[in-house]
């Protein structure tokens, strides 16, 4: 009797192995997210442009301001990780947003500050995470192990370079965040246009100075953004980068040329600290949770993120956090 593999069973195995890799090799702390564990939530609003409304029937892209919850975070596995590696090298950060839809419900997106992702498939993500495990004596990943992975997966190199080349940013407010994955905009006539998105800081990019590095504590970004928003709203401009013929839609390691057409799609503003940080921490910002008018591409990492986020939520909600908690 032949046996037909169960795809759902294969997905569950990959999710388990991905979770194990993160839990063993990235400094995970019980009760926290397996990635982006230290963050802070804000309230604000998003207003789309007329150009966005022409390209998509999505409720939150029609030009009427919609309420948002925004979580800004450090992507390291541990909530106690520093916000920078040195005066010139920063850490991976994230901007996640929850859009309140006029009809009820919500849509969510999550974007890191890296320009490329180092894995094209779930298996590659598991492999690169395992390759970066820290040695028991050095406390650092083995360069040889990472190089062996790169030799076998040369397309991972731009993503790894993007991670190691991040500057030490002055603020979340001066950081650009990239959606990385491809989606489709669907208009009222049913036309589908592939795009990627990015959040451009309206304050402009800014890095810490050598003087800043001498006085700033290892974790400074959450304190800084709280102080900044208390003084004045902070905003990012949403930009859609439109694909052209031949641009890859299912490979997140390959970004599109910068000369591709770009459309200003809206503006995100945060203006106050969220009153319930525990509620924000309990939320899942699933990048596949999109409304009609936006469709998912076939990018396997995009779909895998949804499964991993769900499993991470299930695990952390069943755990107790340490008595002394990270800010």
Protein backbone atom coordinates (compact mmCIF):
# COMPACT_ATOMS: atom_id res chain seq x y z
CA UNK A 1 0.00 0.00 0.00
CA UNK A 2 1.44 3.38 -1.00
CA UNK A 3 1.54 6.28 1.42
CA UNK A 4 0.80 9.84 0.33
CA UNK A 5 2.71 12.39 2.43
CA UNK A 6 0.56 14.84 4.33
CA UNK A 7 1.66 18.41 3.45
CA UNK A 8 0.30 19.71 6.74
CA UNK A 9 2.49 17.19 8.58
CA UNK A 10 5.54 18.44 6.67
CA UNK A 11 4.70 22.04 7.55
CA UNK A 12 4.36 21.14 11.23
CA UNK A 13 7.76 19.44 11.18
CA UNK A 14 9.41 22.45 9.57
CA UNK A 15 7.80 24.81 12.07
CA UNK A 16 9.00 22.63 14.96
CA UNK A 17 12.53 22.57 13.58
CA UNK A 18 12.50 26.33 13.01
CA UNK A 19 11.31 26.92 16.56
CA UNK A 20 13.96 24.58 17.93
CA UNK A 21 16.68 26.37 15.96
CA UNK A 22 15.59 29.77 17.29
CA UNK A 23 15.17 28.52 20.85
CA UNK A 24 18.60 26.89 20.93
CA UNK A 25 20.67 29.39 18.99
CA UNK A 26 19.29 32.93 19.34
CA UNK A 27 19.02 33.47 23.09
CA UNK A 28 15.27 32.98 23.45
CA UNK A 29 13.83 33.79 26.90
CA UNK A 30 10.67 32.00 28.13
CA UNK A 31 7.48 34.03 27.84
CA UNK A 32 8.77 36.21 24.99
CA UNK A 33 8.50 36.13 21.21
CA UNK A 34 11.04 33.85 19.52
CA UNK A 35 12.03 36.86 17.41
CA UNK A 36 11.52 40.59 18.05
CA UNK A 37 10.97 39.89 21.78
CA UNK A 38 11.62 43.40 23.10
CA UNK A 39 9.33 46.09 21.76
CA UNK A 40 7.04 48.96 22.56
CA UNK A 41 3.53 49.74 21.33
CA UNK A 42 2.05 53.04 20.18
CA UNK A 43 -1.27 54.26 18.90
CA UNK A 44 -1.62 56.36 15.79
CA UNK A 45 -3.29 56.52 12.40
CA UNK A 46 -2.64 55.81 8.74
CA UNK A 47 -3.94 57.81 5.76
CA UNK A 48 -3.60 56.45 2.23
CA UNK A 49 -3.10 58.53 -0.90
CA UNK A 50 -5.44 58.78 -3.89
CA UNK A 51 -2.84 56.85 -5.94
CA UNK A 52 -3.09 53.89 -3.56
CA UNK A 53 -6.90 53.92 -3.74
CA UNK A 54 -6.73 53.71 -7.53
CA UNK A 55 -4.58 50.58 -7.35
CA UNK A 56 -6.41 48.68 -4.63
CA UNK A 57 -9.86 48.23 -3.12
CA UNK A 58 -8.34 47.45 0.32
CA UNK A 59 -10.36 49.26 2.96
CA UNK A 60 -7.44 50.96 4.65
CA UNK A 61 -6.11 52.26 1.31
CA UNK A 62 -9.14 54.38 0.38
CA UNK A 63 -7.91 57.67 1.86
CA UNK A 64 -9.94 57.82 5.07
CA UNK A 65 -7.69 57.87 8.17
CA UNK A 66 -7.71 54.53 10.00
CA UNK A 67 -6.58 53.88 13.56
CA UNK A 68 -3.39 51.88 13.99
CA UNK A 69 -1.39 50.06 16.63
CA UNK A 70 2.34 50.12 15.91
CA UNK A 71 4.97 47.95 17.60
CA UNK A 72 8.64 48.90 17.25
CA UNK A 73 11.09 46.19 18.22
CA UNK A 74 14.59 44.75 18.43
CA UNK A 75 14.72 41.51 16.42
CA UNK A 76 17.39 39.68 18.45
CA UNK A 77 16.24 36.45 20.08
CA UNK A 78 16.72 37.77 23.62
CA UNK A 79 14.80 40.75 25.07
CA UNK A 80 18.01 41.67 26.91
CA UNK A 81 20.08 42.02 23.71
CA UNK A 82 21.73 45.39 22.98
CA UNK A 83 20.40 47.72 20.29
CA UNK A 84 23.80 47.99 18.60
CA UNK A 85 26.89 45.85 18.18
CA UNK A 86 29.26 48.82 18.05
CA UNK A 87 29.38 52.53 17.29
CA UNK A 88 28.99 51.79 13.59
CA UNK A 89 27.03 48.53 13.50
CA UNK A 90 23.39 48.28 14.50
CA UNK A 91 20.99 45.45 15.16
CA UNK A 92 18.02 44.20 13.15
CA UNK A 93 14.86 46.15 14.09
CA UNK A 94 11.20 45.86 13.17
CA UNK A 95 8.08 47.94 12.58
CA UNK A 96 4.79 46.06 12.84
CA UNK A 97 1.45 47.74 12.24
CA UNK A 98 -2.14 46.75 12.85
CA UNK A 99 -4.67 48.65 10.72
CA UNK A 100 -8.23 48.93 12.05
CA UNK A 101 -10.53 48.25 9.07
CA UNK A 102 -13.65 50.43 8.73
CA UNK A 103 -15.86 47.33 8.37
CA UNK A 104 -14.44 45.79 11.56
CA UNK A 105 -11.50 43.49 12.09
CA UNK A 106 -7.97 44.40 11.23
CA UNK A 107 -5.07 43.84 8.86
CA UNK A 108 -1.43 43.43 9.92
CA UNK A 109 2.00 43.88 8.39
CA UNK A 110 5.53 43.53 9.72
CA UNK A 111 8.71 44.97 8.22
CA UNK A 112 12.38 44.76 9.31
CA UNK A 113 15.08 47.33 8.62
CA UNK A 114 17.21 44.90 6.57
CA UNK A 115 17.40 45.36 2.77
CA UNK A 116 17.46 41.60 1.98
CA UNK A 117 16.52 38.34 3.68
CA UNK A 118 19.15 35.55 3.76
CA UNK A 119 16.82 32.59 3.15
CA UNK A 120 14.55 31.80 0.19
CA UNK A 121 12.77 28.78 1.72
CA UNK A 122 11.82 27.52 5.19
CA UNK A 123 14.57 24.86 5.01
CA UNK A 124 17.16 27.53 4.26
CA UNK A 125 15.91 29.61 7.18
CA UNK A 126 16.36 26.63 9.51
CA UNK A 127 19.84 25.95 8.09
CA UNK A 128 21.09 29.53 8.43
CA UNK A 129 19.70 29.81 11.96
CA UNK A 130 21.51 26.62 12.95
CA UNK A 131 24.68 27.82 11.22
CA UNK A 132 24.69 30.93 13.41
CA UNK A 133 24.52 29.06 16.72
CA UNK A 134 26.91 30.43 19.32
CA UNK A 135 29.91 28.46 20.49
CA UNK A 136 29.94 27.47 24.19
CA UNK A 137 33.40 28.96 24.76
CA UNK A 138 33.41 32.02 22.50
CA UNK A 139 29.74 32.98 22.78
CA UNK A 140 29.87 33.85 19.07
CA UNK A 141 28.81 32.05 15.89
CA UNK A 142 31.44 30.05 14.03
CA UNK A 143 32.56 31.96 10.93
CA UNK A 144 33.55 28.68 9.28
CA UNK A 145 30.07 27.22 9.80
CA UNK A 146 28.44 30.33 8.31
CA UNK A 147 30.85 30.29 5.35
CA UNK A 148 29.99 26.65 4.64
CA UNK A 149 26.33 27.63 4.49
CA UNK A 150 27.08 30.54 2.13
CA UNK A 151 29.07 28.28 -0.21
CA UNK A 152 26.03 26.02 -0.53
CA UNK A 153 23.55 28.93 -0.72
CA UNK A 154 25.30 31.81 -2.47
CA UNK A 155 22.05 33.74 -2.81
CA UNK A 156 22.06 34.16 0.99
CA UNK A 157 25.13 36.42 0.87
CA UNK A 158 23.34 39.75 0.15
CA UNK A 159 20.98 39.12 3.06
CA UNK A 160 23.83 38.30 5.45
CA UNK A 161 25.74 41.36 4.28
CA UNK A 162 22.64 43.47 4.81
CA UNK A 163 22.37 42.26 8.41
CA UNK A 164 26.04 42.81 9.25
CA UNK A 165 26.08 46.17 7.45
CA UNK A 166 23.26 47.84 9.35
CA UNK A 167 24.29 51.20 10.83
CA UNK A 168 23.67 51.99 14.48
CA UNK A 169 20.57 54.13 14.08
CA UNK A 170 19.78 57.17 16.20
CA UNK A 171 16.11 56.24 16.55
CA UNK A 172 13.31 54.05 15.27
CA UNK A 173 12.03 57.36 13.89
CA UNK A 174 15.11 57.69 11.65
CA UNK A 175 15.01 54.10 10.38
CA UNK A 176 13.67 52.77 7.07
CA UNK A 177 11.74 49.50 7.26
CA UNK A 178 11.33 47.17 4.27
CA UNK A 179 8.38 44.84 3.70
CA UNK A 180 10.69 42.51 1.67
CA UNK A 181 7.89 40.18 0.45
CA UNK A 182 5.92 40.64 -2.76
CA UNK A 183 2.14 41.13 -2.68
CA UNK A 184 -0.49 42.04 -5.28
CA UNK A 185 -2.62 45.15 -5.36
CA UNK A 186 -6.08 44.40 -6.81
CA UNK A 187 -8.18 47.28 -8.14
CA UNK A 188 -11.92 47.63 -8.73
CA UNK A 189 -11.57 46.07 -12.21
CA UNK A 190 -9.77 43.04 -10.84
CA UNK A 191 -6.35 44.04 -12.21
CA UNK A 192 -3.49 42.62 -10.15
CA UNK A 193 -0.20 44.48 -9.82
CA UNK A 194 2.73 43.00 -7.88
CA UNK A 195 4.49 45.28 -5.39
CA UNK A 196 6.75 45.46 -2.39
CA UNK A 197 6.52 48.14 0.27
CA UNK A 198 8.77 50.19 2.50
CA UNK A 199 8.32 52.69 5.33
CA UNK A 200 10.49 55.79 4.80
CA UNK A 201 11.15 57.88 7.96
CA UNK A 202 9.87 61.42 7.56
CA UNK A 203 12.55 62.58 10.00
CA UNK A 204 15.20 61.33 7.58
CA UNK A 205 17.93 58.76 8.26
CA UNK A 206 20.30 59.40 11.15
CA UNK A 207 22.99 57.33 12.84
CA UNK A 208 24.47 57.66 16.30
CA UNK A 209 27.66 59.68 16.64
CA UNK A 210 30.86 58.53 18.36
CA UNK A 211 29.88 60.81 21.24
CA UNK A 212 26.49 59.06 21.43
CA UNK A 213 28.17 55.68 21.50
CA UNK A 214 30.28 56.65 24.50
CA UNK A 215 27.28 57.64 26.64
CA UNK A 216 24.31 55.60 25.42
CA UNK A 217 23.47 52.39 27.28
CA UNK A 218 23.29 49.10 25.34
CA UNK A 219 19.49 49.42 25.14
CA UNK A 220 18.47 52.95 24.23
CA UNK A 221 16.00 52.84 21.34
CA UNK A 222 12.80 52.24 23.32
CA UNK A 223 13.58 55.02 25.78
CA UNK A 224 14.45 57.35 22.90
CA UNK A 225 11.26 56.74 20.92
CA UNK A 226 9.09 57.14 24.02
CA UNK A 227 10.69 60.51 24.71
CA UNK A 228 10.44 61.58 21.07
CA UNK A 229 6.73 60.72 20.72
CA UNK A 230 5.97 62.45 24.04
CA UNK A 231 7.29 65.66 22.45
CA UNK A 232 5.75 65.36 18.96
CA UNK A 233 4.20 62.78 16.59
CA UNK A 234 6.54 60.55 14.58
CA UNK A 235 5.75 59.44 11.04
CA UNK A 236 6.81 57.27 8.11
CA UNK A 237 5.74 57.47 4.45
CA UNK A 238 4.51 54.23 2.87
CA UNK A 239 6.01 53.65 -0.57
CA UNK A 240 5.04 50.89 -2.99
CA UNK A 241 7.74 49.61 -5.34
CA UNK A 242 6.05 48.18 -8.43
CA UNK A 243 7.41 45.07 -10.15
CA UNK A 244 8.22 44.81 -13.83
CA UNK A 245 8.34 41.77 -16.11
CA UNK A 246 10.86 39.22 -14.87
CA UNK A 247 11.12 40.51 -11.31
CA UNK A 248 11.01 37.57 -8.85
CA UNK A 249 7.81 37.44 -6.81
CA UNK A 250 8.54 34.32 -4.75
CA UNK A 251 12.16 34.78 -3.68
CA UNK A 252 12.74 37.17 -0.79
CA UNK A 253 16.54 36.95 -1.16
CA UNK A 254 16.32 38.81 -4.47
CA UNK A 255 15.29 42.42 -4.32
CA UNK A 256 14.18 44.45 -7.34
CA UNK A 257 16.25 47.19 -9.00
CA UNK A 258 15.88 50.57 -7.33
CA UNK A 259 14.82 52.15 -10.62
CA UNK A 260 11.49 50.31 -10.53
CA UNK A 261 8.48 52.67 -10.38
CA UNK A 262 7.56 53.83 -6.88
CA UNK A 263 4.23 55.16 -5.64
CA UNK A 264 3.68 57.15 -2.48
CA UNK A 265 0.88 55.17 -0.85
CA UNK A 266 0.24 56.90 2.47
CA UNK A 267 1.52 58.17 5.79
CA UNK A 268 1.73 56.41 9.15
CA UNK A 269 1.75 58.58 12.28
CA UNK A 270 2.26 57.50 15.89
CA UNK A 271 1.27 60.09 18.47
CA UNK A 272 0.94 58.38 21.85
CA UNK A 273 2.15 55.42 23.84
CA UNK A 274 -0.30 52.52 23.85
CA UNK A 275 -2.10 52.36 27.19
CA UNK A 276 -1.92 48.54 27.38
CA UNK A 277 1.55 47.25 26.56
CA UNK A 278 0.64 43.71 27.60
CA UNK A 279 -2.14 43.71 25.02
CA UNK A 280 0.31 44.77 22.32
CA UNK A 281 2.81 42.13 23.42
CA UNK A 282 0.10 39.49 23.16
CA UNK A 283 -0.78 40.50 19.60
CA UNK A 284 0.38 38.64 16.48
CA UNK A 285 1.40 40.86 13.56
CA UNK A 286 0.95 38.23 10.85
CA UNK A 287 2.15 39.56 7.46
CA UNK A 288 -0.32 37.30 5.64
CA UNK A 289 -3.32 38.93 7.33
CA UNK A 290 -4.38 41.21 4.48
CA UNK A 291 -7.88 42.35 3.38
CA UNK A 292 -9.53 42.01 -0.03
CA UNK A 293 -7.73 44.33 -2.43
CA UNK A 294 -4.33 42.93 -1.42
CA UNK A 295 -3.28 39.36 -2.25
CA UNK A 296 -0.32 37.26 -1.18
CA UNK A 297 2.42 36.19 -3.55
CA UNK A 298 3.70 32.63 -3.60
CA UNK A 299 6.77 33.54 -1.52
CA UNK A 300 7.30 30.48 0.73
CA UNK A 301 8.97 32.52 3.48
CA UNK A 302 5.94 34.83 3.66
CA UNK A 303 3.58 31.91 4.22
CA UNK A 304 6.01 30.21 6.62
CA UNK A 305 6.23 33.34 8.77
CA UNK A 306 2.51 33.06 9.46
CA UNK A 307 2.88 29.51 10.77
CA UNK A 308 5.94 30.36 12.87
CA UNK A 309 4.27 33.45 14.37
CA UNK A 310 1.28 31.35 15.37
CA UNK A 311 3.45 28.71 17.02
CA UNK A 312 5.55 31.34 18.77
CA UNK A 313 2.38 32.90 20.21
CA UNK A 314 1.15 29.52 21.39
CA UNK A 315 4.42 28.72 23.14
CA UNK A 316 5.08 32.05 24.80
CA UNK A 317 1.56 32.40 26.18
CA UNK A 318 2.05 29.08 28.00
CA UNK A 319 5.28 30.22 29.64
CA UNK A 320 6.13 32.46 32.58
CA UNK A 321 8.40 35.43 32.00
CA UNK A 322 11.42 35.96 34.26
CA UNK A 323 10.78 37.97 37.40
CA UNK A 324 12.99 40.81 36.13
CA UNK A 325 11.62 41.85 32.76
CA UNK A 326 13.23 43.75 29.93
CA UNK A 327 11.90 47.24 29.22
